[in-house]
Amino acid sequence: MCQYTKPPVQSGLKFIFLMHPKEAKRQRTGTGRISHLCLPDSEILVSLDYTKDNVPGRRLFELLSDPKYLPLLLYPGDDAWNAANPDFKSAARGKILMPIIVDATWFCSRKILQHNPFLLELPKMSFAGNYRSIFTFKHEPRPECVSTAETCYYLIKELQEAGLANPEANPEPLMTAFKKMISDQLRAENERVQGLRPSTHGYDWKYTKIKEDPFAQK
């Protein structure tokens, strides 16, 4: 996958991925790792409880206390800023934006927030636009839910338009690598359906139809 994450996306933002331990263990090529590979200066902090005196927790609080950053929890809500909000632009002046993304399944994401209520006290940020995921291999719980890679991509695009991210940055490697990941997953699933690849999960029996890869090169 690494070849599809180049060139580096020099966004001028400091992305922090709070990754649930299950995500770190099971998803070696998940969208959080792909995003991290695309984004220089981004960090993955793996833990369930960031309030404990552990390495990920200490690092997170070190970053939160650094005055050069403006930490922003990616979280929807009426109190969430977005790139079109003039108050946000004023607060961001002179700061390096530090988007904090909880990277896990939706169930595990709730667990992280439950164990770390201080996260919800941080300034929140969401999208100005409406987006739909292209994650054809996986069904999101709601139409507006998007993957971590898509989140970074759309966020960079919106912040560039608002003058809050490096206008010279090209975020396309995020989507290129994401589409490659989807194609690989679809190919493996189709090979299992055809009997060309052994089943590796207990739920593989559910998949009995060949799926078309919308991103396959013609």
N, C-alpha and C. Protein backbone atom coordinates (compact mmCIF):
# COMPACT_ATOMS: atom_id res chain seq x y z
N MET A 1 0.82 -1.21 0.00
CA MET A 1 0.00 0.00 0.00
C MET A 1 0.85 1.26 0.00
N CYS A 2 2.09 1.15 0.50
CA CYS A 2 2.88 2.36 0.71
C CYS A 2 3.09 3.17 -0.57
N GLN A 3 3.21 2.48 -1.70
CA GLN A 3 3.48 3.19 -2.95
C GLN A 3 2.31 4.10 -3.35
N TYR A 4 1.11 3.83 -2.83
CA TYR A 4 -0.06 4.63 -3.19
C TYR A 4 -0.26 5.81 -2.24
N THR A 5 0.58 5.91 -1.23
CA THR A 5 0.44 7.02 -0.27
C THR A 5 1.38 8.18 -0.59
N LYS A 6 2.03 8.12 -1.73
CA LYS A 6 2.99 9.15 -2.15
C LYS A 6 2.39 10.00 -3.27
N PRO A 7 2.85 11.27 -3.39
CA PRO A 7 3.78 11.96 -2.51
C PRO A 7 3.12 12.35 -1.19
N PRO A 8 3.91 12.66 -0.16
CA PRO A 8 3.34 13.03 1.13
C PRO A 8 2.41 14.24 1.01
N VAL A 9 1.33 14.19 1.77
CA VAL A 9 0.35 15.29 1.77
C VAL A 9 0.80 16.31 2.82
N GLN A 10 1.45 17.36 2.37
CA GLN A 10 1.98 18.39 3.27
C GLN A 10 0.88 19.41 3.57
N SER A 11 -0.06 19.03 4.40
CA SER A 11 -1.26 19.84 4.62
C SER A 11 -1.02 21.04 5.53
N GLY A 12 0.04 21.00 6.35
CA GLY A 12 0.24 22.05 7.34
C GLY A 12 -0.57 21.83 8.59
N LEU A 13 -1.26 20.68 8.69
CA LEU A 13 -2.06 20.33 9.86
C LEU A 13 -1.36 19.22 10.64
N LYS A 14 -1.67 19.12 11.92
CA LYS A 14 -1.11 18.07 12.78
C LYS A 14 -2.24 17.09 13.12
N PHE A 15 -2.35 16.02 12.37
CA PHE A 15 -3.40 15.04 12.61
C PHE A 15 -2.99 14.08 13.72
N ILE A 16 -3.92 13.85 14.65
CA ILE A 16 -3.72 12.88 15.72
C ILE A 16 -4.81 11.82 15.61
N PHE A 17 -4.40 10.55 15.54
CA PHE A 17 -5.36 9.45 15.45
C PHE A 17 -5.36 8.69 16.78
N LEU A 18 -6.48 8.74 17.48
CA LEU A 18 -6.63 7.98 18.71
C LEU A 18 -7.19 6.62 18.32
N MET A 19 -6.34 5.60 18.34
CA MET A 19 -6.71 4.29 17.81
C MET A 19 -7.00 3.31 18.94
N HIS A 20 -8.17 2.70 18.85
CA HIS A 20 -8.55 1.66 19.81
C HIS A 20 -7.60 0.48 19.65
N PRO A 21 -7.19 -0.18 20.76
CA PRO A 21 -6.28 -1.32 20.64
C PRO A 21 -6.77 -2.42 19.70
N LYS A 22 -8.08 -2.65 19.64
CA LYS A 22 -8.59 -3.66 18.72
C LYS A 22 -8.36 -3.26 17.27
N GLU A 23 -8.50 -1.97 16.99
CA GLU A 23 -8.25 -1.47 15.64
C GLU A 23 -6.78 -1.65 15.28
N ALA A 24 -5.91 -1.36 16.25
CA ALA A 24 -4.47 -1.47 16.00
C ALA A 24 -4.06 -2.92 15.76
N LYS A 25 -4.71 -3.84 16.46
CA LYS A 25 -4.34 -5.25 16.36
C LYS A 25 -4.89 -5.90 15.11
N ARG A 26 -6.12 -5.58 14.75
CA ARG A 26 -6.81 -6.29 13.67
C ARG A 26 -6.66 -5.63 12.30
N GLN A 27 -6.55 -4.31 12.30
CA GLN A 27 -6.58 -3.59 11.04
C GLN A 27 -5.19 -3.08 10.68
N ARG A 28 -4.35 -3.97 10.15
CA ARG A 28 -2.99 -3.57 9.80
C ARG A 28 -2.96 -2.60 8.63
N THR A 29 -3.97 -2.66 7.78
CA THR A 29 -4.04 -1.72 6.66
C THR A 29 -5.36 -0.95 6.71
N GLY A 30 -5.80 -0.59 7.91
CA GLY A 30 -7.03 0.19 8.04
C GLY A 30 -6.84 1.61 7.54
N THR A 31 -7.93 2.35 7.46
CA THR A 31 -7.86 3.70 6.89
C THR A 31 -7.12 4.67 7.80
N GLY A 32 -7.05 4.38 9.12
CA GLY A 32 -6.25 5.23 10.00
C GLY A 32 -4.78 5.11 9.70
N ARG A 33 -4.30 3.89 9.48
CA ARG A 33 -2.89 3.67 9.16
C ARG A 33 -2.57 4.26 7.78
N ILE A 34 -3.48 4.08 6.82
CA ILE A 34 -3.27 4.64 5.50
C ILE A 34 -3.15 6.16 5.58
N SER A 35 -4.03 6.78 6.36
CA SER A 35 -4.00 8.23 6.52
C SER A 35 -2.68 8.68 7.15
N HIS A 36 -2.25 7.93 8.16
CA HIS A 36 -0.99 8.26 8.83
C HIS A 36 0.19 8.21 7.86
N LEU A 37 0.19 7.22 6.97
CA LEU A 37 1.26 7.09 5.98
C LEU A 37 1.25 8.26 5.00
N CYS A 38 0.07 8.78 4.71
CA CYS A 38 -0.05 9.89 3.75
C CYS A 38 0.32 11.24 4.37
N LEU A 39 0.17 11.36 5.68
CA LEU A 39 0.25 12.67 6.34
C LEU A 39 1.50 12.78 7.20
N PRO A 40 2.53 13.49 6.73
CA PRO A 40 3.72 13.71 7.54
C PRO A 40 3.36 14.44 8.84
N ASP A 41 4.07 14.13 9.89
CA ASP A 41 3.89 14.76 11.19
C ASP A 41 2.60 14.32 11.89
N SER A 42 1.84 13.40 11.30
CA SER A 42 0.68 12.86 12.00
C SER A 42 1.15 11.81 13.00
N GLU A 43 0.32 11.51 13.99
CA GLU A 43 0.69 10.53 15.01
C GLU A 43 -0.49 9.61 15.31
N ILE A 44 -0.17 8.33 15.53
CA ILE A 44 -1.15 7.36 16.00
C ILE A 44 -0.86 7.07 17.46
N LEU A 45 -1.86 7.25 18.32
CA LEU A 45 -1.74 6.97 19.75
C LEU A 45 -2.73 5.84 20.07
N VAL A 46 -2.22 4.69 20.43
CA VAL A 46 -3.06 3.51 20.66
C VAL A 46 -3.33 3.34 22.15
N SER A 47 -4.61 3.41 22.52
CA SER A 47 -4.99 3.20 23.92
C SER A 47 -6.52 3.19 24.00
N LEU A 48 -7.02 2.72 25.13
CA LEU A 48 -8.44 2.85 25.42
C LEU A 48 -8.67 3.98 26.42
N ASP A 49 -7.75 4.13 27.35
CA ASP A 49 -7.88 5.14 28.40
C ASP A 49 -6.69 6.09 28.32
N TYR A 50 -6.91 7.29 27.81
CA TYR A 50 -5.84 8.28 27.67
C TYR A 50 -5.68 9.13 28.92
N THR A 51 -6.46 8.87 29.95
CA THR A 51 -6.30 9.61 31.20
C THR A 51 -5.29 8.93 32.11
N LYS A 52 -4.95 7.67 31.83
CA LYS A 52 -4.00 6.95 32.67
C LYS A 52 -2.58 7.42 32.39
N ASP A 53 -1.71 7.11 33.34
CA ASP A 53 -0.32 7.52 33.19
C ASP A 53 0.41 6.50 32.32
N ASN A 54 0.07 6.50 31.02
CA ASN A 54 0.74 5.62 30.07
C ASN A 54 1.34 6.47 28.97
N VAL A 55 2.11 5.86 28.10
CA VAL A 55 2.81 6.61 27.06
C VAL A 55 1.85 7.35 26.13
N PRO A 56 0.80 6.68 25.58
CA PRO A 56 -0.13 7.42 24.70
C PRO A 56 -0.82 8.57 25.42
N GLY A 57 -1.22 8.33 26.69
CA GLY A 57 -1.89 9.40 27.44
C GLY A 57 -0.97 10.58 27.69
N ARG A 58 0.27 10.31 28.08
CA ARG A 58 1.22 11.40 28.33
C ARG A 58 1.48 12.18 27.05
N ARG A 59 1.61 11.47 25.94
CA ARG A 59 1.87 12.15 24.67
C ARG A 59 0.68 13.02 24.27
N LEU A 60 -0.53 12.51 24.45
CA LEU A 60 -1.70 13.30 24.09
C LEU A 60 -1.77 14.58 24.91
N PHE A 61 -1.56 14.48 26.21
CA PHE A 61 -1.65 15.68 27.05
C PHE A 61 -0.49 16.63 26.78
N GLU A 62 0.65 16.09 26.38
CA GLU A 62 1.75 16.95 25.96
C GLU A 62 1.36 17.77 24.75
N LEU A 63 0.70 17.14 23.79
CA LEU A 63 0.27 17.85 22.59
C LEU A 63 -0.84 18.86 22.92
N LEU A 64 -1.77 18.46 23.77
CA LEU A 64 -2.88 19.36 24.12
C LEU A 64 -2.41 20.61 24.85
N SER A 65 -1.30 20.49 25.56
CA SER A 65 -0.81 21.64 26.34
C SER A 65 0.18 22.50 25.56
N ASP A 66 0.51 22.10 24.34
CA ASP A 66 1.45 22.86 23.52
C ASP A 66 0.73 24.07 22.92
N PRO A 67 1.14 25.29 23.24
CA PRO A 67 0.41 26.48 22.80
C PRO A 67 0.41 26.73 21.30
N LYS A 68 1.31 26.05 20.57
CA LYS A 68 1.32 26.31 19.13
C LYS A 68 0.20 25.60 18.39
N TYR A 69 -0.47 24.66 19.07
CA TYR A 69 -1.54 23.89 18.42
C TYR A 69 -2.92 24.36 18.88
N LEU A 70 -3.88 24.23 17.97
CA LEU A 70 -5.29 24.39 18.31
C LEU A 70 -5.93 23.00 18.17
N PRO A 71 -6.13 22.28 19.30
CA PRO A 71 -6.71 20.94 19.21
C PRO A 71 -8.19 21.00 18.86
N LEU A 72 -8.60 20.09 17.98
CA LEU A 72 -9.99 20.07 17.50
C LEU A 72 -10.44 18.62 17.40
N LEU A 73 -11.42 18.25 18.21
CA LEU A 73 -11.96 16.90 18.14
C LEU A 73 -12.94 16.82 16.98
N LEU A 74 -12.70 15.89 16.07
CA LEU A 74 -13.64 15.70 14.96
C LEU A 74 -14.88 15.02 15.51
N TYR A 75 -15.93 15.81 15.66
CA TYR A 75 -17.14 15.31 16.31
C TYR A 75 -18.30 16.21 15.91
N PRO A 76 -19.38 15.64 15.38
CA PRO A 76 -20.50 16.48 14.93
C PRO A 76 -21.30 17.03 16.10
N GLY A 77 -21.99 18.13 15.85
CA GLY A 77 -22.83 18.72 16.89
C GLY A 77 -23.09 20.18 16.60
N ASP A 78 -24.05 20.73 17.29
CA ASP A 78 -24.40 22.14 17.10
C ASP A 78 -23.27 23.07 17.52
N ASP A 79 -22.42 22.60 18.43
CA ASP A 79 -21.32 23.44 18.90
C ASP A 79 -20.02 23.20 18.14
N ALA A 80 -20.08 22.42 17.07
CA ALA A 80 -18.88 22.10 16.30
C ALA A 80 -18.59 23.19 15.28
N TRP A 81 -17.35 23.63 15.24
CA TRP A 81 -16.92 24.58 14.22
C TRP A 81 -16.78 23.86 12.88
N ASN A 82 -16.78 24.66 11.82
CA ASN A 82 -16.41 24.13 10.50
C ASN A 82 -15.68 25.23 9.74
N ALA A 83 -15.17 24.87 8.58
CA ALA A 83 -14.31 25.79 7.83
C ALA A 83 -15.03 27.06 7.39
N ALA A 84 -16.36 27.03 7.36
CA ALA A 84 -17.12 28.20 6.92
C ALA A 84 -17.45 29.14 8.08
N ASN A 85 -17.09 28.77 9.30
CA ASN A 85 -17.44 29.55 10.49
C ASN A 85 -16.40 30.66 10.72
N PRO A 86 -16.80 31.93 10.69
CA PRO A 86 -15.83 33.02 10.87
C PRO A 86 -15.19 33.01 12.26
N ASP A 87 -15.93 32.56 13.29
CA ASP A 87 -15.34 32.48 14.63
C ASP A 87 -14.20 31.47 14.67
N PHE A 88 -14.36 30.40 13.92
CA PHE A 88 -13.31 29.38 13.85
C PHE A 88 -12.07 29.97 13.19
N LYS A 89 -12.25 30.70 12.12
CA LYS A 89 -11.11 31.30 11.43
C LYS A 89 -10.36 32.26 12.35
N SER A 90 -11.11 32.97 13.18
CA SER A 90 -10.48 33.89 14.12
C SER A 90 -9.69 33.14 15.19
N ALA A 91 -10.28 32.05 15.72
CA ALA A 91 -9.61 31.26 16.76
C ALA A 91 -8.38 30.56 16.22
N ALA A 92 -8.40 30.22 14.92
CA ALA A 92 -7.30 29.46 14.33
C ALA A 92 -6.12 30.34 13.94
N ARG A 93 -6.29 31.64 13.97
CA ARG A 93 -5.24 32.55 13.51
C ARG A 93 -3.97 32.38 14.35
N GLY A 94 -2.86 32.11 13.69
CA GLY A 94 -1.58 31.97 14.37
C GLY A 94 -1.35 30.62 15.02
N LYS A 95 -2.26 29.68 14.82
CA LYS A 95 -2.13 28.36 15.42
C LYS A 95 -1.99 27.28 14.34
N ILE A 96 -1.38 26.17 14.71
CA ILE A 96 -1.38 24.99 13.85
C ILE A 96 -2.58 24.15 14.24
N LEU A 97 -3.47 23.92 13.30
CA LEU A 97 -4.67 23.15 13.61
C LEU A 97 -4.28 21.69 13.87
N MET A 98 -4.84 21.13 14.93
CA MET A 98 -4.53 19.75 15.31
C MET A 98 -5.84 18.94 15.39
N PRO A 99 -6.30 18.43 14.24
CA PRO A 99 -7.50 17.59 14.25
C PRO A 99 -7.22 16.28 14.99
N ILE A 100 -8.11 15.94 15.91
CA ILE A 100 -8.01 14.69 16.67
C ILE A 100 -9.13 13.78 16.22
N ILE A 101 -8.76 12.64 15.65
CA ILE A 101 -9.73 11.72 15.06
C ILE A 101 -9.72 10.41 15.84
N VAL A 102 -10.87 9.99 16.33
CA VAL A 102 -10.99 8.69 16.99
C VAL A 102 -11.10 7.64 15.90
N ASP A 103 -10.10 6.76 15.83
CA ASP A 103 -10.02 5.78 14.74
C ASP A 103 -10.34 4.39 15.30
N ALA A 104 -11.55 3.93 15.02
CA ALA A 104 -12.01 2.63 15.51
C ALA A 104 -13.35 2.33 14.85
N THR A 105 -13.89 1.16 15.13
CA THR A 105 -15.27 0.90 14.73
C THR A 105 -16.15 1.87 15.50
N TRP A 106 -17.39 2.03 15.04
CA TRP A 106 -18.27 2.98 15.72
C TRP A 106 -18.52 2.56 17.16
N PHE A 107 -18.63 1.26 17.41
CA PHE A 107 -18.83 0.76 18.78
C PHE A 107 -17.62 1.10 19.65
N CYS A 108 -16.41 0.81 19.14
CA CYS A 108 -15.19 1.08 19.91
C CYS A 108 -14.92 2.57 20.05
N SER A 109 -15.34 3.36 19.08
CA SER A 109 -15.20 4.82 19.19
C SER A 109 -15.99 5.34 20.39
N ARG A 110 -17.20 4.82 20.57
CA ARG A 110 -18.00 5.23 21.73
C ARG A 110 -17.31 4.83 23.03
N LYS A 111 -16.65 3.67 23.03
CA LYS A 111 -15.93 3.23 24.22
C LYS A 111 -14.80 4.19 24.57
N ILE A 112 -14.07 4.64 23.56
CA ILE A 112 -12.98 5.59 23.81
C ILE A 112 -13.53 6.88 24.41
N LEU A 113 -14.62 7.38 23.87
CA LEU A 113 -15.20 8.62 24.40
C LEU A 113 -15.75 8.43 25.81
N GLN A 114 -16.28 7.24 26.09
CA GLN A 114 -16.78 6.96 27.44
C GLN A 114 -15.65 6.90 28.46
N HIS A 115 -14.51 6.36 28.05
CA HIS A 115 -13.37 6.26 28.96
C HIS A 115 -12.60 7.57 29.09
N ASN A 116 -12.82 8.49 28.16
CA ASN A 116 -12.07 9.74 28.13
C ASN A 116 -13.02 10.92 27.95
N PRO A 117 -13.86 11.19 28.94
CA PRO A 117 -14.85 12.27 28.78
C PRO A 117 -14.24 13.64 28.54
N PHE A 118 -12.96 13.83 28.91
CA PHE A 118 -12.32 15.12 28.68
C PHE A 118 -12.22 15.45 27.19
N LEU A 119 -12.25 14.42 26.34
CA LEU A 119 -12.17 14.68 24.90
C LEU A 119 -13.35 15.51 24.42
N LEU A 120 -14.52 15.27 24.99
CA LEU A 120 -15.71 16.00 24.56
C LEU A 120 -15.72 17.44 25.08
N GLU A 121 -14.77 17.77 25.94
CA GLU A 121 -14.63 19.16 26.41
C GLU A 121 -13.73 19.98 25.49
N LEU A 122 -13.05 19.31 24.56
CA LEU A 122 -12.21 20.02 23.60
C LEU A 122 -13.07 20.75 22.58
N PRO A 123 -12.54 21.79 21.93
CA PRO A 123 -13.26 22.39 20.80
C PRO A 123 -13.55 21.32 19.75
N LYS A 124 -14.76 21.35 19.22
CA LYS A 124 -15.16 20.33 18.24
C LYS A 124 -15.19 20.93 16.84
N MET A 125 -14.99 20.04 15.87
CA MET A 125 -15.01 20.45 14.48
C MET A 125 -15.73 19.40 13.65
N SER A 126 -16.42 19.86 12.63
CA SER A 126 -17.08 18.95 11.70
C SER A 126 -16.93 19.51 10.29
N PHE A 127 -17.66 18.93 9.35
CA PHE A 127 -17.59 19.37 7.96
C PHE A 127 -18.57 20.51 7.70
N ALA A 128 -18.22 21.36 6.75
CA ALA A 128 -19.17 22.36 6.27
C ALA A 128 -20.08 21.75 5.21
N GLY A 129 -19.56 20.78 4.44
CA GLY A 129 -20.34 20.13 3.39
C GLY A 129 -20.90 18.80 3.82
N ASN A 130 -21.69 18.20 2.94
CA ASN A 130 -22.27 16.88 3.17
C ASN A 130 -21.58 15.88 2.25
N TYR A 131 -21.16 14.76 2.80
CA TYR A 131 -20.41 13.78 2.03
C TYR A 131 -20.99 12.38 2.23
N ARG A 132 -20.74 11.53 1.26
CA ARG A 132 -21.14 10.13 1.34
C ARG A 132 -19.91 9.27 1.10
N SER A 133 -19.79 8.20 1.86
CA SER A 133 -18.61 7.35 1.77
C SER A 133 -18.62 6.53 0.48
N ILE A 134 -17.42 6.28 -0.05
CA ILE A 134 -17.27 5.39 -1.20
C ILE A 134 -16.81 4.01 -0.75
N PHE A 135 -16.89 3.75 0.56
CA PHE A 135 -16.42 2.48 1.12
C PHE A 135 -17.39 1.37 0.71
N THR A 136 -17.31 0.92 -0.54
CA THR A 136 -18.26 -0.05 -1.08
C THR A 136 -18.10 -1.42 -0.44
N PHE A 137 -16.93 -1.71 0.13
CA PHE A 137 -16.70 -3.01 0.75
C PHE A 137 -17.40 -3.12 2.10
N LYS A 138 -17.71 -1.99 2.68
CA LYS A 138 -18.23 -1.96 4.04
C LYS A 138 -19.42 -1.01 4.10
N HIS A 139 -20.43 -1.37 4.87
CA HIS A 139 -21.61 -0.51 5.02
C HIS A 139 -21.48 0.30 6.30
N GLU A 140 -21.53 1.62 6.15
CA GLU A 140 -21.47 2.50 7.31
C GLU A 140 -22.84 2.52 8.01
N PRO A 141 -22.87 2.83 9.32
CA PRO A 141 -24.15 2.81 10.04
C PRO A 141 -25.14 3.87 9.59
N ARG A 142 -24.64 4.99 9.06
CA ARG A 142 -25.52 6.04 8.55
C ARG A 142 -24.90 6.59 7.27
N PRO A 143 -25.73 7.12 6.37
CA PRO A 143 -25.21 7.60 5.08
C PRO A 143 -24.12 8.66 5.21
N GLU A 144 -24.20 9.48 6.25
CA GLU A 144 -23.24 10.59 6.39
C GLU A 144 -21.93 10.16 7.04
N CYS A 145 -21.83 8.90 7.46
CA CYS A 145 -20.59 8.42 8.09
C CYS A 145 -19.54 8.14 7.02
N VAL A 146 -18.33 8.63 7.25
CA VAL A 146 -17.24 8.41 6.30
C VAL A 146 -16.04 7.83 7.03
N SER A 147 -15.15 7.22 6.28
CA SER A 147 -13.98 6.58 6.85
C SER A 147 -12.96 7.64 7.31
N THR A 148 -11.94 7.18 8.04
CA THR A 148 -10.89 8.09 8.50
C THR A 148 -10.16 8.73 7.33
N ALA A 149 -9.84 7.95 6.29
CA ALA A 149 -9.13 8.50 5.13
C ALA A 149 -9.97 9.56 4.44
N GLU A 150 -11.26 9.28 4.27
CA GLU A 150 -12.14 10.26 3.64
C GLU A 150 -12.28 11.51 4.51
N THR A 151 -12.34 11.31 5.82
CA THR A 151 -12.43 12.44 6.75
C THR A 151 -11.24 13.38 6.56
N CYS A 152 -10.04 12.82 6.53
CA CYS A 152 -8.84 13.66 6.35
C CYS A 152 -8.87 14.37 5.00
N TYR A 153 -9.27 13.65 3.97
CA TYR A 153 -9.31 14.22 2.62
C TYR A 153 -10.27 15.41 2.55
N TYR A 154 -11.51 15.21 2.98
CA TYR A 154 -12.50 16.29 2.89
C TYR A 154 -12.15 17.44 3.82
N LEU A 155 -11.59 17.13 4.97
CA LEU A 155 -11.22 18.18 5.90
C LEU A 155 -10.13 19.07 5.31
N ILE A 156 -9.11 18.45 4.73
CA ILE A 156 -8.03 19.23 4.11
C ILE A 156 -8.59 20.11 2.99
N LYS A 157 -9.45 19.54 2.15
CA LYS A 157 -10.02 20.31 1.03
C LYS A 157 -10.79 21.53 1.55
N GLU A 158 -11.61 21.34 2.59
CA GLU A 158 -12.39 22.46 3.12
C GLU A 158 -11.49 23.51 3.76
N LEU A 159 -10.48 23.06 4.49
CA LEU A 159 -9.59 24.02 5.16
C LEU A 159 -8.72 24.76 4.16
N GLN A 160 -8.39 24.13 3.05
CA GLN A 160 -7.66 24.83 1.98
C GLN A 160 -8.51 25.96 1.41
N GLU A 161 -9.78 25.67 1.17
CA GLU A 161 -10.67 26.69 0.62
C GLU A 161 -10.85 27.85 1.59
N ALA A 162 -10.75 27.55 2.89
CA ALA A 162 -10.91 28.60 3.91
C ALA A 162 -9.59 29.30 4.23
N GLY A 163 -8.50 28.89 3.59
CA GLY A 163 -7.21 29.49 3.85
C GLY A 163 -6.58 29.04 5.15
N LEU A 164 -6.98 27.85 5.66
CA LEU A 164 -6.49 27.36 6.94
C LEU A 164 -5.60 26.12 6.80
N ALA A 165 -5.29 25.74 5.58
CA ALA A 165 -4.38 24.63 5.31
C ALA A 165 -3.50 25.01 4.13
N ASN A 166 -2.41 24.33 3.97
CA ASN A 166 -1.47 24.62 2.90
C ASN A 166 -2.16 24.51 1.54
N PRO A 167 -2.29 25.61 0.80
CA PRO A 167 -2.99 25.57 -0.48
C PRO A 167 -2.25 24.75 -1.54
N GLU A 168 -0.95 24.51 -1.33
CA GLU A 168 -0.17 23.75 -2.30
C GLU A 168 -0.25 22.24 -2.08
N ALA A 169 -0.85 21.82 -0.96
CA ALA A 169 -0.92 20.40 -0.65
C ALA A 169 -1.88 19.69 -1.60
N ASN A 170 -1.52 18.49 -2.01
CA ASN A 170 -2.38 17.66 -2.85
C ASN A 170 -2.87 16.48 -2.03
N PRO A 171 -4.14 16.48 -1.59
CA PRO A 171 -4.63 15.41 -0.72
C PRO A 171 -5.03 14.14 -1.46
N GLU A 172 -4.85 14.09 -2.78
CA GLU A 172 -5.33 12.94 -3.56
C GLU A 172 -4.73 11.60 -3.14
N PRO A 173 -3.47 11.51 -2.67
CA PRO A 173 -2.98 10.21 -2.24
C PRO A 173 -3.85 9.54 -1.18
N LEU A 174 -4.53 10.32 -0.36
CA LEU A 174 -5.44 9.74 0.64
C LEU A 174 -6.53 8.91 -0.04
N MET A 175 -7.10 9.45 -1.11
CA MET A 175 -8.17 8.75 -1.81
C MET A 175 -7.62 7.65 -2.72
N THR A 176 -6.46 7.89 -3.29
CA THR A 176 -5.84 6.87 -4.16
C THR A 176 -5.55 5.60 -3.35
N ALA A 177 -4.94 5.76 -2.19
CA ALA A 177 -4.62 4.61 -1.34
C ALA A 177 -5.90 3.96 -0.81
N PHE A 178 -6.89 4.76 -0.46
CA PHE A 178 -8.16 4.24 0.04
C PHE A 178 -8.86 3.39 -1.02
N LYS A 179 -8.89 3.88 -2.24
CA LYS A 179 -9.52 3.12 -3.33
C LYS A 179 -8.76 1.83 -3.61
N LYS A 180 -7.43 1.88 -3.52
CA LYS A 180 -6.63 0.68 -3.72
C LYS A 180 -6.96 -0.35 -2.64
N MET A 181 -7.12 0.11 -1.40
CA MET A 181 -7.48 -0.79 -0.30
C MET A 181 -8.82 -1.47 -0.56
N ILE A 182 -9.80 -0.68 -1.04
CA ILE A 182 -11.12 -1.24 -1.34
C ILE A 182 -11.02 -2.27 -2.46
N SER A 183 -10.25 -1.95 -3.50
CA SER A 183 -10.09 -2.89 -4.61
C SER A 183 -9.46 -4.20 -4.14
N ASP A 184 -8.46 -4.11 -3.28
CA ASP A 184 -7.81 -5.31 -2.77
C ASP A 184 -8.79 -6.15 -1.95
N GLN A 185 -9.61 -5.48 -1.13
CA GLN A 185 -10.58 -6.20 -0.31
C GLN A 185 -11.63 -6.88 -1.18
N LEU A 186 -12.12 -6.17 -2.18
CA LEU A 186 -13.13 -6.76 -3.07
C LEU A 186 -12.56 -7.94 -3.85
N ARG A 187 -11.32 -7.81 -4.30
CA ARG A 187 -10.70 -8.91 -5.05
C ARG A 187 -10.56 -10.15 -4.17
N ALA A 188 -10.12 -9.95 -2.91
CA ALA A 188 -9.97 -11.08 -2.00
C ALA A 188 -11.32 -11.73 -1.70
N GLU A 189 -12.35 -10.91 -1.51
CA GLU A 189 -13.68 -11.46 -1.25
C GLU A 189 -14.19 -12.25 -2.45
N ASN A 190 -14.01 -11.73 -3.65
CA ASN A 190 -14.44 -12.43 -4.86
C ASN A 190 -13.69 -13.75 -5.03
N GLU A 191 -12.41 -13.75 -4.68
CA GLU A 191 -11.63 -14.98 -4.80
C GLU A 191 -12.11 -16.03 -3.80
N ARG A 192 -12.56 -15.61 -2.63
CA ARG A 192 -13.12 -16.56 -1.67
C ARG A 192 -14.44 -17.14 -2.18
N VAL A 193 -15.27 -16.27 -2.77
CA VAL A 193 -16.54 -16.73 -3.33
C VAL A 193 -16.29 -17.75 -4.44
N GLN A 194 -15.25 -17.54 -5.24
CA GLN A 194 -14.92 -18.43 -6.35
C GLN A 194 -14.16 -19.69 -5.90
N GLY A 195 -13.82 -19.76 -4.62
CA GLY A 195 -13.06 -20.90 -4.13
C GLY A 195 -11.59 -20.83 -4.41
N LEU A 196 -11.10 -19.67 -4.82
CA LEU A 196 -9.69 -19.50 -5.14
C LEU A 196 -8.85 -19.12 -3.91
N ARG A 197 -9.52 -18.74 -2.84
CA ARG A 197 -8.84 -18.30 -1.62
C ARG A 197 -9.59 -18.89 -0.43
N PRO A 198 -8.89 -19.41 0.58
CA PRO A 198 -9.59 -19.99 1.73
C PRO A 198 -10.28 -18.91 2.56
N SER A 199 -11.36 -19.29 3.23
CA SER A 199 -12.04 -18.37 4.14
C SER A 199 -11.16 -18.13 5.36
N THR A 200 -11.17 -16.90 5.83
CA THR A 200 -10.34 -16.54 6.98
C THR A 200 -11.16 -16.01 8.15
N HIS A 201 -12.46 -15.76 7.91
CA HIS A 201 -13.33 -15.23 8.96
C HIS A 201 -14.58 -16.11 9.08
N GLY A 202 -15.14 -16.13 10.26
CA GLY A 202 -16.33 -16.93 10.48
C GLY A 202 -17.55 -16.44 9.72
N TYR A 203 -17.50 -15.18 9.29
CA TYR A 203 -18.66 -14.62 8.59
C TYR A 203 -18.51 -14.66 7.07
N ASP A 204 -17.45 -15.27 6.57
CA ASP A 204 -17.23 -15.30 5.12
C ASP A 204 -18.35 -16.03 4.37
N TRP A 205 -19.05 -16.93 5.07
CA TRP A 205 -20.11 -17.68 4.40
C TRP A 205 -21.25 -16.77 3.93
N LYS A 206 -21.36 -15.59 4.52
CA LYS A 206 -22.43 -14.66 4.14
C LYS A 206 -22.24 -14.13 2.72
N TYR A 207 -21.01 -14.11 2.24
CA TYR A 207 -20.71 -13.51 0.95
C TYR A 207 -20.72 -14.59 -0.13
N THR A 208 -21.70 -14.49 -1.00
CA THR A 208 -21.87 -15.53 -2.04
C THR A 208 -21.91 -14.96 -3.45
N LYS A 209 -21.91 -13.65 -3.59
CA LYS A 209 -22.01 -13.02 -4.90
C LYS A 209 -20.73 -12.28 -5.26
N ILE A 210 -20.37 -12.34 -6.53
CA ILE A 210 -19.23 -11.59 -7.03
C ILE A 210 -19.61 -10.11 -7.08
N LYS A 211 -18.72 -9.27 -6.56
CA LYS A 211 -18.98 -7.83 -6.55
C LYS A 211 -18.07 -7.14 -7.56
N GLU A 212 -18.63 -6.13 -8.20
CA GLU A 212 -17.85 -5.35 -9.15
C GLU A 212 -16.98 -4.33 -8.41
N ASP A 213 -15.78 -4.18 -8.90
CA ASP A 213 -14.85 -3.21 -8.31
C ASP A 213 -15.03 -1.88 -9.06
N PRO A 214 -15.60 -0.86 -8.41
CA PRO A 214 -15.84 0.42 -9.11
C PRO A 214 -14.56 1.18 -9.41
N PHE A 215 -13.44 0.78 -8.80
CA PHE A 215 -12.20 1.51 -8.98
C PHE A 215 -11.17 0.74 -9.80
N ALA A 216 -11.58 -0.40 -10.34
CA ALA A 216 -10.64 -1.19 -11.14
C ALA A 216 -10.24 -0.42 -12.40
N GLN A 217 -8.98 -0.51 -12.74
CA GLN A 217 -8.51 0.16 -13.94
C GLN A 217 -8.99 -0.59 -15.16
N LYS A 218 -9.63 0.15 -16.07
CA LYS A 218 -10.18 -0.46 -17.28
C LYS A 218 -9.09 -0.67 -18.32
